[in-house]
Amino acid sequence: MDEGGDSLSQESRTVCKRVLVHGRVQGVGFRYTTRQVASGYLVTGFVRNLPTGDVEIMAEGPVDQVDTFLAAVARCMAGYLESIEVQEETCSGYKGFQIRH
């Protein structure tokens, strides 16, 4: 059995992650920053404000790209974050990365 092939397929596996971001994340450019960061990665999906004051990110793509993208957003916006919840979702085939209202 070739274990090297397993790790390669794990890295290129497509995932969709739903992320709820808690903190002072509305009114600080969070959605625009997230969209800008997304342009540097092979991810699709969206970011939007929620009525609760939180922000939701849906990110779909190769698992390594999604994880690196989410880590980059967390670094860029670290001063505004209190906590982040991440759960895997069924992939939806998003086109591009958008800000939703």
PDB file of N, CA and C in Angstrom:
ATOM      1  N   MET A   1       0.849  -1.181   0.000  1.00  0.00           N
ATOM      2  CA  MET A   1       0.000   0.000   0.000  1.00  0.00           C
ATOM      3  C   MET A   1       0.890   1.239   0.000  1.00  0.00           C
ATOM      4  N   ASP A   2       0.604   2.188  -0.849  1.00  0.00           N
ATOM      5  CA  ASP A   2       1.391   3.416  -0.967  1.00  0.00           C
ATOM      6  C   ASP A   2       0.803   4.487  -0.058  1.00  0.00           C
ATOM      7  N   GLU A   3       1.428   4.696   1.091  1.00  0.00           N
ATOM      8  CA  GLU A   3       0.902   5.679   2.042  1.00  0.00           C
ATOM      9  C   GLU A   3       1.100   7.106   1.559  1.00  0.00           C
ATOM     10  N   GLY A   4       2.108   7.346   0.731  1.00  0.00           N
ATOM     11  CA  GLY A   4       2.333   8.682   0.185  1.00  0.00           C
ATOM     12  C   GLY A   4       1.149   9.146  -0.632  1.00  0.00           C
ATOM     13  N   GLY A   5       0.520   8.240  -1.367  1.00  0.00           N
ATOM     14  CA  GLY A   5      -0.657   8.583  -2.158  1.00  0.00           C
ATOM     15  C   GLY A   5      -1.829   8.993  -1.289  1.00  0.00           C
ATOM     16  N   ASP A   6      -1.929   8.368  -0.120  1.00  0.00           N
ATOM     17  CA  ASP A   6      -3.017   8.724   0.782  1.00  0.00           C
ATOM     18  C   ASP A   6      -2.895  10.164   1.259  1.00  0.00           C
ATOM     19  N   SER A   7      -1.689  10.616   1.611  1.00  0.00           N
ATOM     20  CA  SER A   7      -1.536  11.986   2.099  1.00  0.00           C
ATOM     21  C   SER A   7      -1.768  12.992   0.976  1.00  0.00           C
ATOM     22  N   LEU A   8      -1.378  12.643  -0.245  1.00  0.00           N
ATOM     23  CA  LEU A   8      -1.611  13.545  -1.373  1.00  0.00           C
ATOM     24  C   LEU A   8      -3.112  13.684  -1.613  1.00  0.00           C
ATOM     25  N   SER A   9      -3.835  12.561  -1.593  1.00  0.00           N
ATOM     26  CA  SER A   9      -5.267  12.657  -1.837  1.00  0.00           C
ATOM     27  C   SER A   9      -5.951  13.412  -0.697  1.00  0.00           C
ATOM     28  N   GLN A  10      -5.433  13.294   0.524  1.00  0.00           N
ATOM     29  CA  GLN A  10      -5.991  14.044   1.662  1.00  0.00           C
ATOM     30  C   GLN A  10      -5.821  15.549   1.434  1.00  0.00           C
ATOM     31  N   GLU A  11      -4.654  15.978   0.950  1.00  0.00           N
ATOM     32  CA  GLU A  11      -4.393  17.405   0.728  1.00  0.00           C
ATOM     33  C   GLU A  11      -5.262  17.974  -0.390  1.00  0.00           C
ATOM     34  N   SER A  12      -5.565  17.165  -1.412  1.00  0.00           N
ATOM     35  CA  SER A  12      -6.316  17.681  -2.555  1.00  0.00           C
ATOM     36  C   SER A  12      -7.818  17.400  -2.437  1.00  0.00           C
ATOM     37  N   ARG A  13      -8.238  16.723  -1.383  1.00  0.00           N
ATOM     38  CA  ARG A  13      -9.661  16.437  -1.160  1.00  0.00           C
ATOM     39  C   ARG A  13     -10.431  17.752  -1.045  1.00  0.00           C
ATOM     40  N   THR A  14     -11.569  17.854  -1.734  1.00  0.00           N
ATOM     41  CA  THR A  14     -12.388  19.058  -1.673  1.00  0.00           C
ATOM     42  C   THR A  14     -13.268  19.015  -0.432  1.00  0.00           C
ATOM     43  N   VAL A  15     -13.270  20.127   0.290  1.00  0.00           N
ATOM     44  CA  VAL A  15     -14.092  20.243   1.493  1.00  0.00           C
ATOM     45  C   VAL A  15     -14.871  21.552   1.440  1.00  0.00           C
ATOM     46  N   CYS A  16     -15.903  21.618   2.244  1.00  0.00           N
ATOM     47  CA  CYS A  16     -16.625  22.862   2.467  1.00  0.00           C
ATOM     48  C   CYS A  16     -16.704  23.049   3.974  1.00  0.00           C
ATOM     49  N   LYS A  17     -16.245  24.195   4.442  1.00  0.00           N
ATOM     50  CA  LYS A  17     -16.283  24.477   5.866  1.00  0.00           C
ATOM     51  C   LYS A  17     -17.130  25.705   6.134  1.00  0.00           C
ATOM     52  N   ARG A  18     -18.016  25.561   7.116  1.00  0.00           N
ATOM     53  CA  ARG A  18     -18.834  26.683   7.588  1.00  0.00           C
ATOM     54  C   ARG A  18     -18.181  27.190   8.856  1.00  0.00           C
ATOM     55  N   VAL A  19     -17.866  28.475   8.859  1.00  0.00           N
ATOM     56  CA  VAL A  19     -17.154  29.078   9.975  1.00  0.00           C
ATOM     57  C   VAL A  19     -18.008  30.198  10.552  1.00  0.00           C
ATOM     58  N   LEU A  20     -18.242  30.140  11.850  1.00  0.00           N
ATOM     59  CA  LEU A  20     -18.911  31.230  12.559  1.00  0.00           C
ATOM     60  C   LEU A  20     -17.841  31.968  13.357  1.00  0.00           C
ATOM     61  N   VAL A  21     -17.734  33.260  13.102  1.00  0.00           N
ATOM     62  CA  VAL A  21     -16.717  34.079  13.745  1.00  0.00           C
ATOM     63  C   VAL A  21     -17.412  35.007  14.741  1.00  0.00           C
ATOM     64  N   HIS A  22     -16.985  34.936  15.997  1.00  0.00           N
ATOM     65  CA  HIS A  22     -17.564  35.734  17.071  1.00  0.00           C
ATOM     66  C   HIS A  22     -16.555  36.795  17.507  1.00  0.00           C
ATOM     67  N   GLY A  23     -17.057  37.950  17.875  1.00  0.00           N
ATOM     68  CA  GLY A  23     -16.209  39.040  18.336  1.00  0.00           C
ATOM     69  C   GLY A  23     -16.736  40.361  17.801  1.00  0.00           C
ATOM     70  N   ARG A  24     -15.850  41.343  17.728  1.00  0.00           N
ATOM     71  CA  ARG A  24     -16.226  42.626  17.115  1.00  0.00           C
ATOM     72  C   ARG A  24     -15.887  42.530  15.637  1.00  0.00           C
ATOM     73  N   VAL A  25     -16.755  41.855  14.896  1.00  0.00           N
ATOM     74  CA  VAL A  25     -16.433  41.502  13.516  1.00  0.00           C
ATOM     75  C   VAL A  25     -17.334  42.175  12.479  1.00  0.00           C
ATOM     76  N   GLN A  26     -18.269  43.008  12.925  1.00  0.00           N
ATOM     77  CA  GLN A  26     -19.074  43.775  11.979  1.00  0.00           C
ATOM     78  C   GLN A  26     -18.691  45.244  12.104  1.00  0.00           C
ATOM     79  N   GLY A  27     -18.616  45.912  10.949  1.00  0.00           N
ATOM     80  CA  GLY A  27     -18.260  47.331  10.935  1.00  0.00           C
ATOM     81  C   GLY A  27     -16.762  47.587  11.000  1.00  0.00           C
ATOM     82  N   VAL A  28     -15.965  46.540  10.765  1.00  0.00           N
ATOM     83  CA  VAL A  28     -14.504  46.689  10.834  1.00  0.00           C
ATOM     84  C   VAL A  28     -13.823  46.254   9.540  1.00  0.00           C
ATOM     85  N   GLY A  29     -14.612  46.041   8.471  1.00  0.00           N
ATOM     86  CA  GLY A  29     -14.046  45.615   7.188  1.00  0.00           C
ATOM     87  C   GLY A  29     -13.774  44.128   7.097  1.00  0.00           C
ATOM     88  N   PHE A  30     -14.387  43.353   7.979  1.00  0.00           N
ATOM     89  CA  PHE A  30     -14.129  41.908   8.020  1.00  0.00           C
ATOM     90  C   PHE A  30     -14.489  41.220   6.708  1.00  0.00           C
ATOM     91  N   ARG A  31     -15.676  41.515   6.175  1.00  0.00           N
ATOM     92  CA  ARG A  31     -16.111  40.847   4.936  1.00  0.00           C
ATOM     93  C   ARG A  31     -15.210  41.205   3.764  1.00  0.00           C
ATOM     94  N   TYR A  32     -14.831  42.465   3.670  1.00  0.00           N
ATOM     95  CA  TYR A  32     -13.990  42.896   2.551  1.00  0.00           C
ATOM     96  C   TYR A  32     -12.588  42.320   2.663  1.00  0.00           C
ATOM     97  N   THR A  33     -12.067  42.270   3.883  1.00  0.00           N
ATOM     98  CA  THR A  33     -10.754  41.662   4.098  1.00  0.00           C
ATOM     99  C   THR A  33     -10.791  40.184   3.749  1.00  0.00           C
ATOM    100  N   THR A  34     -11.857  39.498   4.165  1.00  0.00           N
ATOM    101  CA  THR A  34     -11.991  38.068   3.879  1.00  0.00           C
ATOM    102  C   THR A  34     -12.039  37.818   2.385  1.00  0.00           C
ATOM    103  N   ARG A  35     -12.801  38.628   1.651  1.00  0.00           N
ATOM    104  CA  ARG A  35     -12.864  38.467   0.194  1.00  0.00           C
ATOM    105  C   ARG A  35     -11.501  38.715  -0.439  1.00  0.00           C
ATOM    106  N   GLN A  36     -10.781  39.716   0.055  1.00  0.00           N
ATOM    107  CA  GLN A  36      -9.449  40.015  -0.483  1.00  0.00           C
ATOM    108  C   GLN A  36      -8.487  38.860  -0.216  1.00  0.00           C
ATOM    109  N   VAL A  37      -8.501  38.325   0.981  1.00  0.00           N
ATOM    110  CA  VAL A  37      -7.637  37.187   1.318  1.00  0.00           C
ATOM    111  C   VAL A  37      -7.994  35.985   0.434  1.00  0.00           C
ATOM    112  N   ALA A  38      -9.289  35.754   0.210  1.00  0.00           N
ATOM    113  CA  ALA A  38      -9.738  34.614  -0.598  1.00  0.00           C
ATOM    114  C   ALA A  38      -9.170  34.659  -2.013  1.00  0.00           C
ATOM    115  N   SER A  39      -8.918  35.857  -2.527  1.00  0.00           N
ATOM    116  CA  SER A  39      -8.402  35.963  -3.900  1.00  0.00           C
ATOM    117  C   SER A  39      -7.015  35.344  -4.047  1.00  0.00           C
ATOM    118  N   GLY A  40      -6.321  35.098  -2.953  1.00  0.00           N
ATOM    119  CA  GLY A  40      -4.999  34.481  -3.007  1.00  0.00           C
ATOM    120  C   GLY A  40      -5.011  32.967  -2.851  1.00  0.00           C
ATOM    121  N   TYR A  41      -6.188  32.383  -2.780  1.00  0.00           N
ATOM    122  CA  TYR A  41      -6.311  30.936  -2.547  1.00  0.00           C
ATOM    123  C   TYR A  41      -7.306  30.320  -3.520  1.00  0.00           C
ATOM    124  N   LEU A  42      -7.238  29.017  -3.678  1.00  0.00           N
ATOM    125  CA  LEU A  42      -8.171  28.290  -4.540  1.00  0.00           C
ATOM    126  C   LEU A  42      -9.411  27.912  -3.727  1.00  0.00           C
ATOM    127  N   VAL A  43     -10.130  28.952  -3.298  1.00  0.00           N
ATOM    128  CA  VAL A  43     -11.347  28.732  -2.516  1.00  0.00           C
ATOM    129  C   VAL A  43     -12.517  29.479  -3.152  1.00  0.00           C
ATOM    130  N   THR A  44     -13.695  28.926  -2.969  1.00  0.00           N
ATOM    131  CA  THR A  44     -14.928  29.573  -3.392  1.00  0.00           C
ATOM    132  C   THR A  44     -15.847  29.621  -2.179  1.00  0.00           C
ATOM    133  N   GLY A  45     -16.914  30.393  -2.299  1.00  0.00           N
ATOM    134  CA  GLY A  45     -17.869  30.479  -1.204  1.00  0.00           C
ATOM    135  C   GLY A  45     -18.323  31.893  -0.971  1.00  0.00           C
ATOM    136  N   PHE A  46     -18.549  32.230   0.305  1.00  0.00           N
ATOM    137  CA  PHE A  46     -19.040  33.571   0.617  1.00  0.00           C
ATOM    138  C   PHE A  46     -18.744  33.924   2.066  1.00  0.00           C
ATOM    139  N   VAL A  47     -18.909  35.207   2.352  1.00  0.00           N
ATOM    140  CA  VAL A  47     -18.835  35.735   3.713  1.00  0.00           C
ATOM    141  C   VAL A  47     -20.024  36.663   3.888  1.00  0.00           C
ATOM    142  N   ARG A  48     -20.651  36.629   5.071  1.00  0.00           N
ATOM    143  CA  ARG A  48     -21.787  37.522   5.306  1.00  0.00           C
ATOM    144  C   ARG A  48     -21.933  37.800   6.801  1.00  0.00           C
ATOM    145  N   ASN A  49     -22.517  38.969   7.070  1.00  0.00           N
ATOM    146  CA  ASN A  49     -22.882  39.322   8.441  1.00  0.00           C
ATOM    147  C   ASN A  49     -24.143  38.566   8.828  1.00  0.00           C
ATOM    148  N   LEU A  50     -24.231  38.206  10.099  1.00  0.00           N
ATOM    149  CA  LEU A  50     -25.431  37.563  10.629  1.00  0.00           C
ATOM    150  C   LEU A  50     -26.132  38.522  11.578  1.00  0.00           C
ATOM    151  N   PRO A  51     -27.431  38.373  11.747  1.00  0.00           N
ATOM    152  CA  PRO A  51     -28.187  39.262  12.642  1.00  0.00           C
ATOM    153  C   PRO A  51     -27.695  39.207  14.093  1.00  0.00           C
ATOM    154  N   THR A  52     -27.004  38.152  14.457  1.00  0.00           N
ATOM    155  CA  THR A  52     -26.493  37.979  15.821  1.00  0.00           C
ATOM    156  C   THR A  52     -25.281  38.857  16.115  1.00  0.00           C
ATOM    157  N   GLY A  53     -24.714  39.495  15.075  1.00  0.00           N
ATOM    158  CA  GLY A  53     -23.485  40.268  15.229  1.00  0.00           C
ATOM    159  C   GLY A  53     -22.243  39.470  14.866  1.00  0.00           C
ATOM    160  N   ASP A  54     -22.428  38.192  14.528  1.00  0.00           N
ATOM    161  CA  ASP A  54     -21.327  37.338  14.104  1.00  0.00           C
ATOM    162  C   ASP A  54     -21.169  37.420  12.591  1.00  0.00           C
ATOM    163  N   VAL A  55     -20.130  36.777  12.082  1.00  0.00           N
ATOM    164  CA  VAL A  55     -19.903  36.671  10.644  1.00  0.00           C
ATOM    165  C   VAL A  55     -19.830  35.197  10.290  1.00  0.00           C
ATOM    166  N   GLU A  56     -20.432  34.843   9.148  1.00  0.00           N
ATOM    167  CA  GLU A  56     -20.381  33.481   8.638  1.00  0.00           C
ATOM    168  C   GLU A  56     -19.502  33.449   7.397  1.00  0.00           C
ATOM    169  N   ILE A  57     -18.608  32.468   7.346  1.00  0.00           N
ATOM    170  CA  ILE A  57     -17.791  32.216   6.158  1.00  0.00           C
ATOM    171  C   ILE A  57     -18.100  30.800   5.690  1.00  0.00           C
ATOM    172  N   MET A  58     -18.396  30.655   4.409  1.00  0.00           N
ATOM    173  CA  MET A  58     -18.478  29.335   3.783  1.00  0.00           C
ATOM    174  C   MET A  58     -17.313  29.268   2.811  1.00  0.00           C
ATOM    175  N   ALA A  59     -16.439  28.307   3.015  1.00  0.00           N
ATOM    176  CA  ALA A  59     -15.248  28.190   2.184  1.00  0.00           C
ATOM    177  C   ALA A  59     -15.157  26.777   1.635  1.00  0.00           C
ATOM    178  N   GLU A  60     -15.025  26.679   0.318  1.00  0.00           N
ATOM    179  CA  GLU A  60     -14.998  25.389  -0.365  1.00  0.00           C
ATOM    180  C   GLU A  60     -13.767  25.323  -1.261  1.00  0.00           C
ATOM    181  N   GLY A  61     -13.099  24.176  -1.273  1.00  0.00           N
ATOM    182  CA  GLY A  61     -11.937  23.988  -2.120  1.00  0.00           C
ATOM    183  C   GLY A  61     -11.075  22.857  -1.589  1.00  0.00           C
ATOM    184  N   PRO A  62      -9.857  22.708  -2.120  1.00  0.00           N
ATOM    185  CA  PRO A  62      -8.945  21.697  -1.602  1.00  0.00           C
ATOM    186  C   PRO A  62      -8.689  21.951  -0.113  1.00  0.00           C
ATOM    187  N   VAL A  63      -8.662  20.896   0.677  1.00  0.00           N
ATOM    188  CA  VAL A  63      -8.589  21.038   2.132  1.00  0.00           C
ATOM    189  C   VAL A  63      -7.404  21.897   2.573  1.00  0.00           C
ATOM    190  N   ASP A  64      -6.244  21.744   1.924  1.00  0.00           N
ATOM    191  CA  ASP A  64      -5.085  22.549   2.327  1.00  0.00           C
ATOM    192  C   ASP A  64      -5.303  24.027   2.024  1.00  0.00           C
ATOM    193  N   GLN A  65      -5.963  24.347   0.901  1.00  0.00           N
ATOM    194  CA  GLN A  65      -6.244  25.733   0.541  1.00  0.00           C
ATOM    195  C   GLN A  65      -7.270  26.353   1.498  1.00  0.00           C
ATOM    196  N   VAL A  66      -8.308  25.616   1.821  1.00  0.00           N
ATOM    197  CA  VAL A  66      -9.338  26.121   2.735  1.00  0.00           C
ATOM    198  C   VAL A  66      -8.736  26.381   4.112  1.00  0.00           C
ATOM    199  N   ASP A  67      -7.969  25.426   4.616  1.00  0.00           N
ATOM    200  CA  ASP A  67      -7.377  25.592   5.946  1.00  0.00           C
ATOM    201  C   ASP A  67      -6.390  26.753   5.994  1.00  0.00           C
ATOM    202  N   THR A  68      -5.575  26.898   4.962  1.00  0.00           N
ATOM    203  CA  THR A  68      -4.608  27.991   4.918  1.00  0.00           C
ATOM    204  C   THR A  68      -5.308  29.338   4.778  1.00  0.00           C
ATOM    205  N   PHE A  69      -6.364  29.393   3.970  1.00  0.00           N
ATOM    206  CA  PHE A  69      -7.165  30.596   3.811  1.00  0.00           C
ATOM    207  C   PHE A  69      -7.783  31.017   5.141  1.00  0.00           C
ATOM    208  N   LEU A  70      -8.409  30.084   5.839  1.00  0.00           N
ATOM    209  CA  LEU A  70      -9.048  30.409   7.113  1.00  0.00           C
ATOM    210  C   LEU A  70      -8.030  30.871   8.153  1.00  0.00           C
ATOM    211  N   ALA A  71      -6.859  30.264   8.150  1.00  0.00           N
ATOM    212  CA  ALA A  71      -5.798  30.693   9.068  1.00  0.00           C
ATOM    213  C   ALA A  71      -5.333  32.107   8.729  1.00  0.00           C
ATOM    214  N   ALA A  72      -5.253  32.431   7.435  1.00  0.00           N
ATOM    215  CA  ALA A  72      -4.828  33.770   7.014  1.00  0.00           C
ATOM    216  C   ALA A  72      -5.860  34.822   7.432  1.00  0.00           C
ATOM    217  N   VAL A  73      -7.139  34.511   7.291  1.00  0.00           N
ATOM    218  CA  VAL A  73      -8.189  35.436   7.732  1.00  0.00           C
ATOM    219  C   VAL A  73      -8.072  35.655   9.235  1.00  0.00           C
ATOM    220  N   ALA A  74      -7.890  34.583   9.984  1.00  0.00           N
ATOM    221  CA  ALA A  74      -7.766  34.695  11.444  1.00  0.00           C
ATOM    222  C   ALA A  74      -6.564  35.556  11.831  1.00  0.00           C
ATOM    223  N   ARG A  75      -5.448  35.425  11.112  1.00  0.00           N
ATOM    224  CA  ARG A  75      -4.262  36.262  11.394  1.00  0.00           C
ATOM    225  C   ARG A  75      -4.546  37.728  11.090  1.00  0.00           C
ATOM    226  N   CYS A  76      -5.162  37.992   9.944  1.00  0.00           N
ATOM    227  CA  CYS A  76      -5.435  39.373   9.522  1.00  0.00           C
ATOM    228  C   CYS A  76      -6.387  40.091  10.476  1.00  0.00           C
ATOM    229  N   MET A  77      -7.338  39.355  11.024  1.00  0.00           N
ATOM    230  CA  MET A  77      -8.405  39.961  11.827  1.00  0.00           C
ATOM    231  C   MET A  77      -8.296  39.590  13.311  1.00  0.00           C
ATOM    232  N   ALA A  78      -7.145  39.125  13.731  1.00  0.00           N
ATOM    233  CA  ALA A  78      -6.954  38.587  15.087  1.00  0.00           C
ATOM    234  C   ALA A  78      -7.415  39.543  16.181  1.00  0.00           C
ATOM    235  N   GLY A  79      -7.212  40.837  16.011  1.00  0.00           N
ATOM    236  CA  GLY A  79      -7.571  41.798  17.040  1.00  0.00           C
ATOM    237  C   GLY A  79      -9.068  41.932  17.275  1.00  0.00           C
ATOM    238  N   TYR A  80      -9.872  41.389  16.369  1.00  0.00           N
ATOM    239  CA  TYR A  80     -11.326  41.514  16.468  1.00  0.00           C
ATOM    240  C   TYR A  80     -12.013  40.210  16.876  1.00  0.00           C
ATOM    241  N   LEU A  81     -11.276  39.113  16.901  1.00  0.00           N
ATOM    242  CA  LEU A  81     -11.866  37.792  17.116  1.00  0.00           C
ATOM    243  C   LEU A  81     -11.932  37.419  18.583  1.00  0.00           C
ATOM    244  N   GLU A  82     -13.059  36.842  18.980  1.00  0.00           N
ATOM    245  CA  GLU A  82     -13.184  36.233  20.303  1.00  0.00           C
ATOM    246  C   GLU A  82     -13.114  34.723  20.192  1.00  0.00           C
ATOM    247  N   SER A  83     -13.846  34.165  19.232  1.00  0.00           N
ATOM    248  CA  SER A  83     -13.807  32.714  19.014  1.00  0.00           C
ATOM    249  C   SER A  83     -14.274  32.395  17.602  1.00  0.00           C
ATOM    250  N   ILE A  84     -13.920  31.178  17.176  1.00  0.00           N
ATOM    251  CA  ILE A  84     -14.267  30.702  15.840  1.00  0.00           C
ATOM    252  C   ILE A  84     -14.789  29.277  15.971  1.00  0.00           C
ATOM    253  N   GLU A  85     -15.916  29.004  15.334  1.00  0.00           N
ATOM    254  CA  GLU A  85     -16.474  27.648  15.272  1.00  0.00           C
ATOM    255  C   GLU A  85     -16.400  27.175  13.828  1.00  0.00           C
ATOM    256  N   VAL A  86     -15.874  25.971  13.615  1.00  0.00           N
ATOM    257  CA  VAL A  86     -15.726  25.423  12.264  1.00  0.00           C
ATOM    258  C   VAL A  86     -16.418  24.070  12.199  1.00  0.00           C
ATOM    259  N   GLN A  87     -17.218  23.877  11.152  1.00  0.00           N
ATOM    260  CA  GLN A  87     -17.806  22.569  10.912  1.00  0.00           C
ATOM    261  C   GLN A  87     -17.805  22.272   9.421  1.00  0.00           C
ATOM    262  N   GLU A  88     -17.572  21.006   9.081  1.00  0.00           N
ATOM    263  CA  GLU A  88     -17.604  20.608   7.680  1.00  0.00           C
ATOM    264  C   GLU A  88     -19.044  20.480   7.216  1.00  0.00           C
ATOM    265  N   GLU A  89     -19.272  20.899   5.979  1.00  0.00           N
ATOM    266  CA  GLU A  89     -20.593  20.855   5.354  1.00  0.00           C
ATOM    267  C   GLU A  89     -20.484  20.091   4.037  1.00  0.00           C
ATOM    268  N   THR A  90     -21.608  19.805   3.434  1.00  0.00           N
ATOM    269  CA  THR A  90     -21.644  19.207   2.107  1.00  0.00           C
ATOM    270  C   THR A  90     -21.243  20.267   1.088  1.00  0.00           C
ATOM    271  N   CYS A  91     -20.390  19.896   0.150  1.00  0.00           N
ATOM    272  CA  CYS A  91     -19.948  20.850  -0.867  1.00  0.00           C
ATOM    273  C   CYS A  91     -21.111  21.260  -1.769  1.00  0.00           C
ATOM    274  N   SER A  92     -21.108  22.528  -2.163  1.00  0.00           N
ATOM    275  CA  SER A  92     -22.208  23.087  -2.952  1.00  0.00           C
ATOM    276  C   SER A  92     -21.810  23.542  -4.340  1.00  0.00           C
ATOM    277  N   GLY A  93     -20.525  23.522  -4.660  1.00  0.00           N
ATOM    278  CA  GLY A  93     -20.087  23.951  -5.983  1.00  0.00           C
ATOM    279  C   GLY A  93     -20.190  25.453  -6.188  1.00  0.00           C
ATOM    280  N   TYR A  94     -19.805  26.232  -5.170  1.00  0.00           N
ATOM    281  CA  TYR A  94     -19.841  27.701  -5.279  1.00  0.00           C
ATOM    282  C   TYR A  94     -18.980  28.174  -6.445  1.00  0.00           C
ATOM    283  N   LYS A  95     -19.378  29.289  -7.010  1.00  0.00           N
ATOM    284  CA  LYS A  95     -18.622  29.939  -8.092  1.00  0.00           C
ATOM    285  C   LYS A  95     -18.045  31.233  -7.527  1.00  0.00           C
ATOM    286  N   GLY A  96     -16.740  31.341  -7.474  1.00  0.00           N
ATOM    287  CA  GLY A  96     -16.104  32.544  -6.968  1.00  0.00           C
ATOM    288  C   GLY A  96     -16.280  32.676  -5.457  1.00  0.00           C
ATOM    289  N   PHE A  97     -15.775  33.776  -4.924  1.00  0.00           N
ATOM    290  CA  PHE A  97     -15.931  34.059  -3.500  1.00  0.00           C
ATOM    291  C   PHE A  97     -16.584  35.428  -3.384  1.00  0.00           C
ATOM    292  N   GLN A  98     -17.741  35.484  -2.726  1.00  0.00           N
ATOM    293  CA  GLN A  98     -18.539  36.696  -2.724  1.00  0.00           C
ATOM    294  C   GLN A  98     -18.862  37.193  -1.310  1.00  0.00           C
ATOM    295  N   ILE A  99     -19.186  38.459  -1.247  1.00  0.00           N
ATOM    296  CA  ILE A  99     -19.787  39.022  -0.049  1.00  0.00           C
ATOM    297  C   ILE A  99     -21.292  38.935  -0.241  1.00  0.00           C
ATOM    298  N   ARG A 100     -21.961  38.339   0.715  1.00  0.00           N
ATOM    299  CA  ARG A 100     -23.429  38.252   0.663  1.00  0.00           C
ATOM    300  C   ARG A 100     -24.026  39.201   1.680  1.00  0.00           C
ATOM    301  N   HIS A 101     -25.205  39.684   1.338  1.00  0.00           N
ATOM    302  CA  HIS A 101     -25.913  40.620   2.244  1.00  0.00           C
ATOM    303  C   HIS A 101     -27.184  40.008   2.746  1.00  0.00           C
TER     304      HIS A 101
END
